[in-house]
């Protein structure tokens, strides 16, 4: 999707507001004040709060999927690709912690079909990409194949998600990059195929 400079400005302002005040305090009035123009001016770019939040989710989905796709298209081994994806995502979230609050707000979105669908699409896309890496690794013999790629994908994605949730609930009070490195080392031990 192409975003106008003004839409990107709005997305960044939404991210900042959610990071500072939480998603429950995001209103078009607060957003307009943050950006410095009137509420009616917002409606020239978006129909309302739901469309703004959907745009925010799509924007960050594109960043994450683009980064993951570049890693997948690299010449790295499957294990190196998994390491690179964990590093990429944890670096991205370390630089923009408010994004976590948006992506993890699915309970706030559960009664809105548009937003819950957008969150589900992010999770499905990421899971699909990670599953492809695991399957490739099993095919090349670097990833154990005595456990299905689907289960290994769940273990990796679940442990990453848990680490991000733990970081958010600690008020971002530990070094996510360092914990990501430790997490990868554990994942590598779990999924690497043992030499015969």
Protein backbone atom coordinates (compact mmCIF):
# COMPACT_ATOMS: atom_id res chain seq x y z
CA UNK A 1 0.00 0.00 0.00
CA UNK A 2 1.22 3.49 -0.76
CA UNK A 3 1.02 6.02 2.04
CA UNK A 4 1.06 9.78 1.64
CA UNK A 5 3.54 11.73 3.78
CA UNK A 6 0.58 12.99 5.84
CA UNK A 7 -0.68 9.44 6.42
CA UNK A 8 2.78 8.37 7.61
CA UNK A 9 2.81 11.39 9.92
CA UNK A 10 -0.57 10.29 11.31
CA UNK A 11 0.61 6.68 11.72
CA UNK A 12 3.71 7.83 13.60
CA UNK A 13 1.60 10.14 15.80
CA UNK A 14 -0.81 7.26 16.58
CA UNK A 15 2.14 5.04 17.51
CA UNK A 16 3.56 7.74 19.78
CA UNK A 17 0.21 8.39 21.47
CA UNK A 18 -0.44 4.69 22.09
CA UNK A 19 3.09 4.32 23.45
CA UNK A 20 2.58 7.20 25.89
CA UNK A 21 -1.08 6.83 26.88
CA UNK A 22 -2.23 3.35 25.81
CA UNK A 23 -4.63 2.36 23.08
CA UNK A 24 -7.69 3.04 25.23
CA UNK A 25 -6.80 6.77 25.25
CA UNK A 26 -6.44 7.07 21.50
CA UNK A 27 -9.11 9.46 20.25
CA UNK A 28 -9.30 11.54 17.09
CA UNK A 29 -9.30 14.62 19.34
CA UNK A 30 -6.02 13.58 21.04
CA UNK A 31 -4.55 12.58 17.70
CA UNK A 32 -5.44 15.89 16.04
CA UNK A 33 -3.88 17.77 18.98
CA UNK A 34 -0.71 15.64 18.73
CA UNK A 35 -0.33 16.39 15.03
CA UNK A 36 -1.39 20.01 15.37
CA UNK A 37 -4.44 20.26 13.16
CA UNK A 38 -8.21 19.99 13.48
CA UNK A 39 -10.24 16.78 13.78
CA UNK A 40 -12.00 17.49 10.44
CA UNK A 41 -8.56 17.58 8.80
CA UNK A 42 -7.97 13.97 9.95
CA UNK A 43 -11.09 12.89 8.08
CA UNK A 44 -9.56 14.03 4.80
CA UNK A 45 -7.08 11.18 5.19
CA UNK A 46 -9.09 8.56 7.10
CA UNK A 47 -12.79 7.90 7.67
CA UNK A 48 -12.34 7.38 11.41
CA UNK A 49 -10.41 5.76 14.25
CA UNK A 50 -10.91 2.18 12.99
CA UNK A 51 -9.50 3.01 9.57
CA UNK A 52 -6.56 4.80 11.21
CA UNK A 53 -5.77 1.77 13.39
CA UNK A 54 -6.15 -0.58 10.43
CA UNK A 55 -3.68 1.58 8.48
CA UNK A 56 -1.24 1.50 11.41
CA UNK A 57 -1.44 -2.31 11.55
CA UNK A 58 -0.98 -2.63 7.77
CA UNK A 59 1.96 -0.20 7.81
CA UNK A 60 3.85 -2.19 10.45
CA UNK A 61 2.87 -5.48 8.84
CA UNK A 62 4.51 -4.31 5.61
CA UNK A 63 7.70 -3.35 7.46
CA UNK A 64 7.90 -6.72 9.23
CA UNK A 65 7.00 -8.82 6.19
CA UNK A 66 9.41 -6.89 3.95
CA UNK A 67 12.25 -7.42 6.43
CA UNK A 68 11.44 -11.12 6.84
CA UNK A 69 11.13 -11.61 3.06
CA UNK A 70 14.58 -10.11 2.47
CA UNK A 71 16.02 -12.55 4.98
CA UNK A 72 14.19 -15.48 3.40
CA UNK A 73 15.52 -14.50 -0.05
CA UNK A 74 19.11 -14.38 1.26
CA UNK A 75 21.67 -17.15 0.84
CA UNK A 76 21.73 -17.87 4.58
CA UNK A 77 21.08 -21.35 5.91
CA UNK A 78 17.70 -21.97 7.54
CA UNK A 79 19.21 -21.66 11.05
CA UNK A 80 20.89 -18.36 10.10
CA UNK A 81 17.60 -17.10 8.66
CA UNK A 82 15.77 -17.85 11.91
CA UNK A 83 18.51 -16.05 13.85
CA UNK A 84 18.30 -13.07 11.47
CA UNK A 85 14.50 -12.87 11.77
CA UNK A 86 14.61 -12.88 15.57
CA UNK A 87 17.35 -10.25 15.49
CA UNK A 88 15.50 -8.12 12.92
CA UNK A 89 12.20 -8.18 14.79
CA UNK A 90 13.70 -7.58 18.23
CA UNK A 91 15.83 -4.72 16.85
CA UNK A 92 12.73 -3.21 15.22
CA UNK A 93 10.69 -3.43 18.41
CA UNK A 94 13.58 -2.11 20.53
CA UNK A 95 13.64 1.00 18.35
CA UNK A 96 9.82 1.34 18.31
CA UNK A 97 8.42 -0.24 21.50
CA UNK A 98 5.00 1.34 21.01
CA UNK A 99 4.49 -0.96 18.00
CA UNK A 100 4.29 -3.87 20.46
CA UNK A 101 1.41 -2.16 22.24
CA UNK A 102 -0.45 -1.91 18.94
CA UNK A 103 0.20 -5.47 17.76
CA UNK A 104 -0.57 -6.89 21.23
CA UNK A 105 -3.82 -4.95 21.49
CA UNK A 106 -5.78 -7.78 19.86
CA UNK A 107 -8.01 -8.12 22.92
CA UNK A 108 -9.04 -4.49 22.35
CA UNK A 109 -9.72 -5.35 18.71
CA UNK A 110 -11.63 -8.60 19.27
CA UNK A 111 -15.04 -6.96 18.82
CA UNK A 112 -14.05 -5.19 15.62
CA UNK A 113 -13.86 -7.48 12.59
CA UNK A 114 -11.63 -5.15 10.55
CA UNK A 115 -8.96 -4.79 13.25
CA UNK A 116 -9.05 -8.40 14.46
CA UNK A 117 -8.68 -9.50 10.83
CA UNK A 118 -5.68 -7.18 10.38
CA UNK A 119 -3.95 -8.64 13.48
CA UNK A 120 -4.75 -12.19 12.32
CA UNK A 121 -3.23 -11.41 8.91
CA UNK A 122 0.01 -10.22 10.53
CA UNK A 123 0.27 -13.40 12.58
CA UNK A 124 -0.62 -15.65 9.63
CA UNK A 125 1.87 -13.96 7.30
CA UNK A 126 4.70 -14.19 9.83
CA UNK A 127 3.84 -17.81 10.61
CA UNK A 128 3.77 -18.72 6.91
CA UNK A 129 7.19 -17.16 6.31
CA UNK A 130 8.70 -18.87 9.36
CA UNK A 131 7.14 -22.19 8.32
CA UNK A 132 8.80 -21.93 4.90
CA UNK A 133 12.20 -21.48 6.55
CA UNK A 134 11.65 -24.52 8.79
CA UNK A 135 10.55 -26.66 5.82
CA UNK A 136 13.62 -25.55 3.85
CA UNK A 137 15.83 -26.37 6.82
CA UNK A 138 14.29 -29.81 7.14
CA UNK A 139 14.83 -30.36 3.42
CA UNK A 140 18.49 -29.31 3.58
CA UNK A 141 19.07 -31.40 6.72
CA UNK A 142 19.94 -28.59 9.15
CA UNK A 143 16.63 -28.62 11.05
CA UNK A 144 15.33 -31.73 12.80
CA UNK A 145 12.55 -33.49 10.94
CA UNK A 146 11.30 -35.77 13.71
CA UNK A 147 8.92 -32.93 14.67
CA UNK A 148 6.57 -31.37 12.11
CA UNK A 149 7.49 -28.00 10.67
CA UNK A 150 4.13 -26.73 11.92
CA UNK A 151 4.95 -27.60 15.54
CA UNK A 152 8.47 -26.15 15.30
CA UNK A 153 7.00 -22.97 13.85
CA UNK A 154 4.59 -22.75 16.80
CA UNK A 155 7.45 -23.20 19.28
CA UNK A 156 9.54 -20.45 17.66
CA UNK A 157 6.70 -17.98 17.12
CA UNK A 158 5.25 -18.66 20.57
CA UNK A 159 8.57 -18.16 22.35
CA UNK A 160 9.19 -14.90 20.46
CA UNK A 161 5.71 -13.67 21.29
CA UNK A 162 6.12 -14.60 24.95
CA UNK A 163 9.44 -12.73 25.14
CA UNK A 164 7.85 -9.62 23.60
CA UNK A 165 4.89 -9.82 25.97
CA UNK A 166 7.25 -10.22 28.94
CA UNK A 167 9.20 -7.17 27.76
CA UNK A 168 6.06 -5.10 27.38
CA UNK A 169 4.67 -6.12 30.78
CA UNK A 170 8.02 -5.24 32.40
CA UNK A 171 7.54 -1.73 30.95
CA UNK A 172 10.37 -2.45 28.48
CA UNK A 173 12.70 -2.88 31.43
CA UNK A 174 15.29 -5.26 29.96
CA UNK A 175 17.52 -5.43 26.90
CA UNK A 176 15.33 -7.08 24.27
CA UNK A 177 18.22 -7.49 21.84
CA UNK A 178 20.29 -9.41 24.41
CA UNK A 179 17.32 -11.58 25.38
CA UNK A 180 16.66 -12.21 21.68
CA UNK A 181 20.21 -13.51 21.32
CA UNK A 182 19.71 -15.84 24.30
CA UNK A 183 16.36 -16.97 22.93
CA UNK A 184 17.87 -17.83 19.56
CA UNK A 185 20.60 -19.92 21.21
CA UNK A 186 17.91 -21.93 23.00
CA UNK A 187 15.81 -22.28 19.85
CA UNK A 188 18.89 -23.44 17.93
CA UNK A 189 19.50 -26.19 20.49
CA UNK A 190 15.89 -27.30 20.20
CA UNK A 191 15.52 -27.34 16.42
CA UNK A 192 18.99 -28.14 15.06
CA UNK A 193 19.33 -31.63 13.64
CA UNK A 194 21.87 -33.63 15.61
CA UNK A 195 24.71 -35.13 13.60
CA UNK A 196 24.52 -38.93 13.36
